[in-house]
Amino acid sequence: MPLTEKLELLASDLALLPDAQERLAAIVDRARRQAPLPAADRSDARRVAGCVSVVWLVGELRSGRCYFRSDAESPLVRGLVAFVCEFFTGATPAEILAQDLDPLEAVGIARHLSPTRKNGLAAVRTAISAFARDAGSA
């Protein structure tokens, strides 16, 4: 499914929750159900630079598509990063690089985040793009 369609689905699903705080709580709750990254994946090499909270990101390329897993020390950041990773998971490197989509903006959450959190999430997006660029040239 193209990222633009995926974004429309995510936005319509979360639009059922009228309040931004409720949408944020749903995103955090969704991440709570995911297994944490194994200790081996919580390395400095997988840590996202630019995040105040400690965030790890693991990218994999399988059958020409990117798959992302993440974890963070803060439950809120864990939820936000997992949501961004879920959005980009399954896309090709070219799709990721061709889009400047922000799933948190589309669901009305980005404007409620602190500048520090926004900067950290921008660093996550940069790391996802870097992985896609490297994977696309491999």
N, C-alpha and C. Protein backbone atom coordinates (compact mmCIF):
# COMPACT_ATOMS: atom_id res chain seq x y z
N MET A 1 0.84 -1.17 0.00
CA MET A 1 0.00 0.00 0.00
C MET A 1 0.90 1.25 0.00
N PRO A 2 0.65 2.18 -0.89
CA PRO A 2 1.46 3.41 -0.91
C PRO A 2 1.36 4.17 0.41
N LEU A 3 2.41 4.89 0.74
CA LEU A 3 2.44 5.63 2.01
C LEU A 3 1.31 6.65 2.11
N THR A 4 0.94 7.27 1.01
CA THR A 4 -0.14 8.26 1.09
C THR A 4 -1.46 7.60 1.49
N GLU A 5 -1.73 6.40 0.97
CA GLU A 5 -2.94 5.67 1.36
C GLU A 5 -2.86 5.22 2.81
N LYS A 6 -1.69 4.75 3.21
CA LYS A 6 -1.49 4.31 4.59
C LYS A 6 -1.74 5.47 5.55
N LEU A 7 -1.28 6.65 5.17
CA LEU A 7 -1.47 7.84 5.99
C LEU A 7 -2.95 8.18 6.11
N GLU A 8 -3.69 8.09 5.01
CA GLU A 8 -5.12 8.37 5.05
C GLU A 8 -5.84 7.40 5.98
N LEU A 9 -5.46 6.12 5.93
CA LEU A 9 -6.08 5.13 6.82
C LEU A 9 -5.79 5.41 8.29
N LEU A 10 -4.52 5.69 8.58
CA LEU A 10 -4.15 6.00 9.96
C LEU A 10 -4.91 7.22 10.46
N ALA A 11 -4.95 8.26 9.64
CA ALA A 11 -5.62 9.49 10.03
C ALA A 11 -7.12 9.25 10.24
N SER A 12 -7.74 8.47 9.37
CA SER A 12 -9.18 8.23 9.53
C SER A 12 -9.46 7.35 10.75
N ASP A 13 -8.60 6.39 11.03
CA ASP A 13 -8.77 5.55 12.22
C ASP A 13 -8.68 6.39 13.49
N LEU A 14 -7.67 7.23 13.57
CA LEU A 14 -7.47 8.02 14.79
C LEU A 14 -8.40 9.22 14.86
N ALA A 15 -9.00 9.61 13.74
CA ALA A 15 -9.96 10.72 13.74
C ALA A 15 -11.21 10.36 14.53
N LEU A 16 -11.43 9.07 14.75
CA LEU A 16 -12.57 8.64 15.56
C LEU A 16 -12.43 9.11 17.00
N LEU A 17 -11.19 9.39 17.41
CA LEU A 17 -10.94 9.93 18.74
C LEU A 17 -10.86 11.45 18.60
N PRO A 18 -11.84 12.18 19.11
CA PRO A 18 -11.92 13.61 18.84
C PRO A 18 -10.83 14.46 19.50
N ASP A 19 -10.27 13.98 20.58
CA ASP A 19 -9.30 14.77 21.34
C ASP A 19 -7.87 14.31 21.04
N ALA A 20 -6.95 15.25 20.85
CA ALA A 20 -5.55 14.93 20.56
C ALA A 20 -4.92 14.10 21.68
N GLN A 21 -5.29 14.38 22.92
CA GLN A 21 -4.73 13.62 24.04
C GLN A 21 -5.21 12.17 24.00
N GLU A 22 -6.44 11.96 23.57
CA GLU A 22 -6.95 10.59 23.43
C GLU A 22 -6.21 9.86 22.31
N ARG A 23 -5.94 10.56 21.20
CA ARG A 23 -5.19 9.95 20.11
C ARG A 23 -3.78 9.59 20.57
N LEU A 24 -3.17 10.49 21.32
CA LEU A 24 -1.83 10.23 21.84
C LEU A 24 -1.85 9.03 22.79
N ALA A 25 -2.84 8.96 23.65
CA ALA A 25 -2.95 7.82 24.57
C ALA A 25 -3.13 6.52 23.80
N ALA A 26 -3.89 6.54 22.71
CA ALA A 26 -4.08 5.33 21.90
C ALA A 26 -2.77 4.90 21.26
N ILE A 27 -1.98 5.86 20.81
CA ILE A 27 -0.68 5.55 20.19
C ILE A 27 0.27 4.95 21.23
N VAL A 28 0.30 5.51 22.42
CA VAL A 28 1.17 5.00 23.48
C VAL A 28 0.70 3.61 23.90
N ASP A 29 -0.61 3.41 24.02
CA ASP A 29 -1.14 2.10 24.40
C ASP A 29 -0.80 1.04 23.37
N ARG A 30 -0.87 1.40 22.13
CA ARG A 30 -0.52 0.48 21.03
C ARG A 30 0.93 0.01 21.16
N ALA A 31 1.82 0.92 21.51
CA ALA A 31 3.24 0.58 21.66
C ALA A 31 3.49 -0.30 22.88
N ARG A 32 2.67 -0.16 23.90
CA ARG A 32 2.84 -0.98 25.11
C ARG A 32 2.66 -2.46 24.80
N ARG A 33 1.88 -2.76 23.78
CA ARG A 33 1.61 -4.15 23.42
C ARG A 33 2.73 -4.77 22.59
N GLN A 34 3.68 -3.96 22.15
CA GLN A 34 4.80 -4.48 21.37
C GLN A 34 5.90 -4.96 22.31
N ALA A 35 6.56 -6.01 21.90
CA ALA A 35 7.68 -6.53 22.69
C ALA A 35 8.84 -5.52 22.63
N PRO A 36 9.54 -5.34 23.74
CA PRO A 36 10.70 -4.45 23.71
C PRO A 36 11.81 -5.06 22.85
N LEU A 37 12.70 -4.20 22.39
CA LEU A 37 13.84 -4.71 21.63
C LEU A 37 14.70 -5.59 22.53
N PRO A 38 15.27 -6.64 21.98
CA PRO A 38 16.20 -7.46 22.76
C PRO A 38 17.43 -6.62 23.15
N ALA A 39 18.08 -7.03 24.21
CA ALA A 39 19.26 -6.30 24.70
C ALA A 39 20.32 -6.13 23.62
N ALA A 40 20.47 -7.12 22.75
CA ALA A 40 21.48 -7.05 21.69
C ALA A 40 21.21 -5.90 20.71
N ASP A 41 19.94 -5.51 20.56
CA ASP A 41 19.59 -4.41 19.66
C ASP A 41 19.63 -3.05 20.35
N ARG A 42 19.84 -3.04 21.64
CA ARG A 42 19.91 -1.78 22.38
C ARG A 42 21.38 -1.35 22.50
N SER A 43 22.01 -1.24 21.36
CA SER A 43 23.42 -0.87 21.34
C SER A 43 23.59 0.59 20.96
N ASP A 44 24.77 1.12 21.21
CA ASP A 44 25.07 2.50 20.83
C ASP A 44 24.96 2.69 19.32
N ALA A 45 25.29 1.65 18.55
CA ALA A 45 25.23 1.74 17.10
C ALA A 45 23.79 1.94 16.61
N ARG A 46 22.82 1.50 17.39
CA ARG A 46 21.41 1.61 16.99
C ARG A 46 20.69 2.76 17.69
N ARG A 47 21.42 3.48 18.50
CA ARG A 47 20.83 4.62 19.21
C ARG A 47 20.69 5.80 18.26
N VAL A 48 19.56 6.47 18.33
CA VAL A 48 19.29 7.61 17.45
C VAL A 48 19.89 8.86 18.08
N ALA A 49 20.85 9.45 17.39
CA ALA A 49 21.46 10.70 17.85
C ALA A 49 20.47 11.83 17.67
N GLY A 50 20.45 12.75 18.60
CA GLY A 50 19.56 13.90 18.49
C GLY A 50 18.31 13.78 19.33
N CYS A 51 18.12 12.65 19.97
CA CYS A 51 16.97 12.46 20.85
C CYS A 51 17.41 12.68 22.29
N VAL A 52 16.66 13.45 23.03
CA VAL A 52 16.96 13.66 24.45
C VAL A 52 16.72 12.36 25.20
N SER A 53 15.59 11.73 24.92
CA SER A 53 15.29 10.42 25.49
C SER A 53 16.11 9.38 24.72
N VAL A 54 16.48 8.31 25.36
CA VAL A 54 17.24 7.27 24.68
C VAL A 54 16.29 6.49 23.76
N VAL A 55 16.64 6.47 22.46
CA VAL A 55 15.83 5.79 21.44
C VAL A 55 16.73 4.89 20.62
N TRP A 56 16.26 3.66 20.39
CA TRP A 56 16.97 2.73 19.52
C TRP A 56 16.10 2.45 18.32
N LEU A 57 16.74 2.33 17.16
CA LEU A 57 16.03 2.07 15.91
C LEU A 57 16.77 0.97 15.16
N VAL A 58 16.03 -0.04 14.74
CA VAL A 58 16.59 -1.15 13.97
C VAL A 58 15.86 -1.19 12.64
N GLY A 59 16.63 -1.09 11.56
CA GLY A 59 16.06 -1.19 10.22
C GLY A 59 16.53 -2.46 9.55
N GLU A 60 15.64 -3.08 8.80
CA GLU A 60 15.97 -4.29 8.04
C GLU A 60 15.39 -4.14 6.63
N LEU A 61 16.10 -4.68 5.67
CA LEU A 61 15.61 -4.72 4.29
C LEU A 61 15.32 -6.17 3.96
N ARG A 62 14.06 -6.45 3.61
CA ARG A 62 13.65 -7.80 3.23
C ARG A 62 12.81 -7.70 1.97
N SER A 63 13.20 -8.45 0.97
CA SER A 63 12.47 -8.48 -0.30
C SER A 63 12.22 -7.08 -0.85
N GLY A 64 13.21 -6.21 -0.70
CA GLY A 64 13.12 -4.87 -1.26
C GLY A 64 12.30 -3.88 -0.46
N ARG A 65 11.88 -4.28 0.74
CA ARG A 65 11.07 -3.40 1.59
C ARG A 65 11.75 -3.18 2.93
N CYS A 66 11.51 -2.01 3.50
CA CYS A 66 12.12 -1.64 4.78
C CYS A 66 11.18 -2.01 5.93
N TYR A 67 11.78 -2.53 6.99
CA TYR A 67 11.04 -2.87 8.20
C TYR A 67 11.77 -2.26 9.38
N PHE A 68 11.02 -1.63 10.27
CA PHE A 68 11.63 -0.92 11.39
C PHE A 68 11.05 -1.40 12.70
N ARG A 69 11.95 -1.52 13.67
CA ARG A 69 11.58 -1.80 15.05
C ARG A 69 12.25 -0.74 15.90
N SER A 70 11.66 -0.43 17.03
CA SER A 70 12.23 0.62 17.86
C SER A 70 11.93 0.36 19.32
N ASP A 71 12.58 1.15 20.14
CA ASP A 71 12.32 1.13 21.57
C ASP A 71 12.84 2.45 22.13
N ALA A 72 12.36 2.80 23.30
CA ALA A 72 12.80 4.02 23.97
C ALA A 72 12.61 3.84 25.47
N GLU A 73 13.35 4.62 26.22
CA GLU A 73 13.23 4.53 27.68
C GLU A 73 11.94 5.17 28.18
N SER A 74 11.49 6.22 27.54
CA SER A 74 10.27 6.91 27.93
C SER A 74 9.06 6.26 27.25
N PRO A 75 8.00 5.94 28.01
CA PRO A 75 6.82 5.33 27.40
C PRO A 75 6.19 6.21 26.31
N LEU A 76 6.13 7.51 26.53
CA LEU A 76 5.56 8.41 25.54
C LEU A 76 6.40 8.41 24.26
N VAL A 77 7.70 8.54 24.40
CA VAL A 77 8.58 8.55 23.23
C VAL A 77 8.53 7.19 22.55
N ARG A 78 8.49 6.13 23.32
CA ARG A 78 8.38 4.78 22.74
C ARG A 78 7.16 4.68 21.85
N GLY A 79 6.04 5.20 22.32
CA GLY A 79 4.81 5.16 21.53
C GLY A 79 4.91 5.99 20.26
N LEU A 80 5.45 7.19 20.37
CA LEU A 80 5.57 8.07 19.20
C LEU A 80 6.50 7.47 18.15
N VAL A 81 7.64 6.97 18.61
CA VAL A 81 8.62 6.40 17.67
C VAL A 81 8.06 5.12 17.04
N ALA A 82 7.39 4.29 17.83
CA ALA A 82 6.80 3.07 17.29
C ALA A 82 5.76 3.40 16.23
N PHE A 83 5.00 4.47 16.44
CA PHE A 83 3.99 4.89 15.47
C PHE A 83 4.64 5.32 14.16
N VAL A 84 5.71 6.09 14.25
CA VAL A 84 6.44 6.52 13.05
C VAL A 84 7.04 5.31 12.33
N CYS A 85 7.62 4.39 13.10
CA CYS A 85 8.21 3.18 12.50
C CYS A 85 7.15 2.33 11.83
N GLU A 86 6.01 2.18 12.49
CA GLU A 86 4.91 1.39 11.92
C GLU A 86 4.46 2.00 10.59
N PHE A 87 4.42 3.32 10.54
CA PHE A 87 4.01 3.99 9.31
C PHE A 87 4.95 3.67 8.15
N PHE A 88 6.26 3.73 8.38
CA PHE A 88 7.22 3.52 7.30
C PHE A 88 7.53 2.05 7.03
N THR A 89 7.18 1.17 7.94
CA THR A 89 7.43 -0.26 7.75
C THR A 89 6.65 -0.79 6.55
N GLY A 90 7.35 -1.55 5.72
CA GLY A 90 6.73 -2.15 4.55
C GLY A 90 6.91 -1.33 3.28
N ALA A 91 7.44 -0.13 3.41
CA ALA A 91 7.66 0.72 2.24
C ALA A 91 9.00 0.38 1.60
N THR A 92 9.13 0.68 0.34
CA THR A 92 10.42 0.50 -0.33
C THR A 92 11.32 1.68 0.03
N PRO A 93 12.62 1.52 -0.11
CA PRO A 93 13.51 2.66 0.13
C PRO A 93 13.12 3.87 -0.71
N ALA A 94 12.78 3.66 -1.98
CA ALA A 94 12.41 4.77 -2.86
C ALA A 94 11.16 5.49 -2.37
N GLU A 95 10.18 4.74 -1.87
CA GLU A 95 8.95 5.36 -1.34
C GLU A 95 9.26 6.24 -0.13
N ILE A 96 10.11 5.73 0.75
CA ILE A 96 10.46 6.49 1.94
C ILE A 96 11.18 7.78 1.56
N LEU A 97 12.10 7.67 0.63
CA LEU A 97 12.88 8.84 0.23
C LEU A 97 12.08 9.85 -0.59
N ALA A 98 11.05 9.39 -1.28
CA ALA A 98 10.26 10.27 -2.13
C ALA A 98 9.20 11.05 -1.35
N GLN A 99 8.92 10.65 -0.13
CA GLN A 99 7.85 11.28 0.64
C GLN A 99 8.41 12.13 1.78
N ASP A 100 7.72 13.20 2.04
CA ASP A 100 8.04 14.04 3.19
C ASP A 100 6.83 14.06 4.12
N LEU A 101 6.26 12.88 4.31
CA LEU A 101 5.04 12.76 5.10
C LEU A 101 5.37 12.68 6.58
N ASP A 102 4.52 13.28 7.40
CA ASP A 102 4.68 13.23 8.85
C ASP A 102 3.39 12.63 9.43
N PRO A 103 3.44 11.35 9.79
CA PRO A 103 2.22 10.72 10.28
C PRO A 103 1.69 11.36 11.56
N LEU A 104 2.56 11.92 12.40
CA LEU A 104 2.10 12.56 13.63
C LEU A 104 1.39 13.88 13.34
N GLU A 105 1.84 14.56 12.30
CA GLU A 105 1.15 15.79 11.88
C GLU A 105 -0.22 15.44 11.31
N ALA A 106 -0.29 14.39 10.53
CA ALA A 106 -1.53 14.00 9.88
C ALA A 106 -2.62 13.60 10.87
N VAL A 107 -2.23 13.08 12.02
CA VAL A 107 -3.24 12.68 13.01
C VAL A 107 -3.45 13.74 14.09
N GLY A 108 -2.85 14.92 13.87
CA GLY A 108 -3.09 16.05 14.76
C GLY A 108 -2.38 15.99 16.09
N ILE A 109 -1.24 15.30 16.13
CA ILE A 109 -0.52 15.18 17.40
C ILE A 109 0.72 16.07 17.44
N ALA A 110 1.36 16.25 16.32
CA ALA A 110 2.64 16.97 16.28
C ALA A 110 2.55 18.36 16.92
N ARG A 111 1.46 19.05 16.69
CA ARG A 111 1.35 20.42 17.23
C ARG A 111 1.24 20.46 18.74
N HIS A 112 0.99 19.31 19.36
CA HIS A 112 0.86 19.24 20.81
C HIS A 112 2.15 18.77 21.50
N LEU A 113 3.19 18.56 20.70
CA LEU A 113 4.46 18.08 21.25
C LEU A 113 5.40 19.24 21.53
N SER A 114 6.25 19.05 22.52
CA SER A 114 7.25 20.07 22.84
C SER A 114 8.28 20.16 21.71
N PRO A 115 8.95 21.29 21.60
CA PRO A 115 10.01 21.41 20.59
C PRO A 115 11.08 20.33 20.73
N THR A 116 11.40 19.96 21.95
CA THR A 116 12.41 18.91 22.18
C THR A 116 11.95 17.58 21.60
N ARG A 117 10.68 17.23 21.84
CA ARG A 117 10.15 15.97 21.30
C ARG A 117 10.09 16.04 19.78
N LYS A 118 9.70 17.17 19.23
CA LYS A 118 9.65 17.32 17.77
C LYS A 118 11.04 17.14 17.16
N ASN A 119 12.06 17.71 17.81
CA ASN A 119 13.43 17.56 17.32
C ASN A 119 13.87 16.11 17.37
N GLY A 120 13.54 15.43 18.45
CA GLY A 120 13.90 14.02 18.56
C GLY A 120 13.21 13.17 17.50
N LEU A 121 11.95 13.45 17.24
CA LEU A 121 11.22 12.70 16.21
C LEU A 121 11.74 13.03 14.82
N ALA A 122 12.21 14.25 14.62
CA ALA A 122 12.86 14.60 13.34
C ALA A 122 14.14 13.79 13.18
N ALA A 123 14.85 13.57 14.28
CA ALA A 123 16.07 12.75 14.23
C ALA A 123 15.73 11.30 13.88
N VAL A 124 14.62 10.80 14.38
CA VAL A 124 14.17 9.45 14.03
C VAL A 124 13.85 9.38 12.54
N ARG A 125 13.14 10.38 12.05
CA ARG A 125 12.79 10.42 10.62
C ARG A 125 14.06 10.48 9.76
N THR A 126 15.06 11.24 10.21
CA THR A 126 16.34 11.33 9.51
C THR A 126 17.02 9.97 9.49
N ALA A 127 16.98 9.25 10.61
CA ALA A 127 17.59 7.92 10.69
C ALA A 127 16.87 6.94 9.76
N ILE A 128 15.55 7.03 9.67
CA ILE A 128 14.78 6.16 8.77
C ILE A 128 15.17 6.47 7.33
N SER A 129 15.28 7.74 6.99
CA SER A 129 15.68 8.13 5.63
C SER A 129 17.08 7.66 5.31
N ALA A 130 18.00 7.77 6.28
CA ALA A 130 19.37 7.33 6.07
C ALA A 130 19.41 5.83 5.82
N PHE A 131 18.62 5.08 6.58
CA PHE A 131 18.57 3.64 6.35
C PHE A 131 18.04 3.36 4.95
N ALA A 132 16.96 4.03 4.55
CA ALA A 132 16.38 3.83 3.22
C ALA A 132 17.38 4.19 2.12
N ARG A 133 18.12 5.27 2.31
CA ARG A 133 19.13 5.68 1.32
C ARG A 133 20.20 4.61 1.19
N ASP A 134 20.69 4.13 2.33
CA ASP A 134 21.72 3.08 2.31
C ASP A 134 21.18 1.77 1.71
N ALA A 135 19.96 1.43 2.08
CA ALA A 135 19.35 0.19 1.58
C ALA A 135 19.08 0.28 0.08
N GLY A 136 18.71 1.45 -0.38
CA GLY A 136 18.41 1.62 -1.78
C GLY A 136 19.63 1.59 -2.66
N SER A 137 20.79 1.89 -2.08
CA SER A 137 22.02 1.87 -2.88
C SER A 137 22.78 0.56 -2.75
N ALA A 138 22.25 -0.34 -1.90
CA ALA A 138 22.94 -1.63 -1.69
C ALA A 138 22.65 -2.59 -2.81
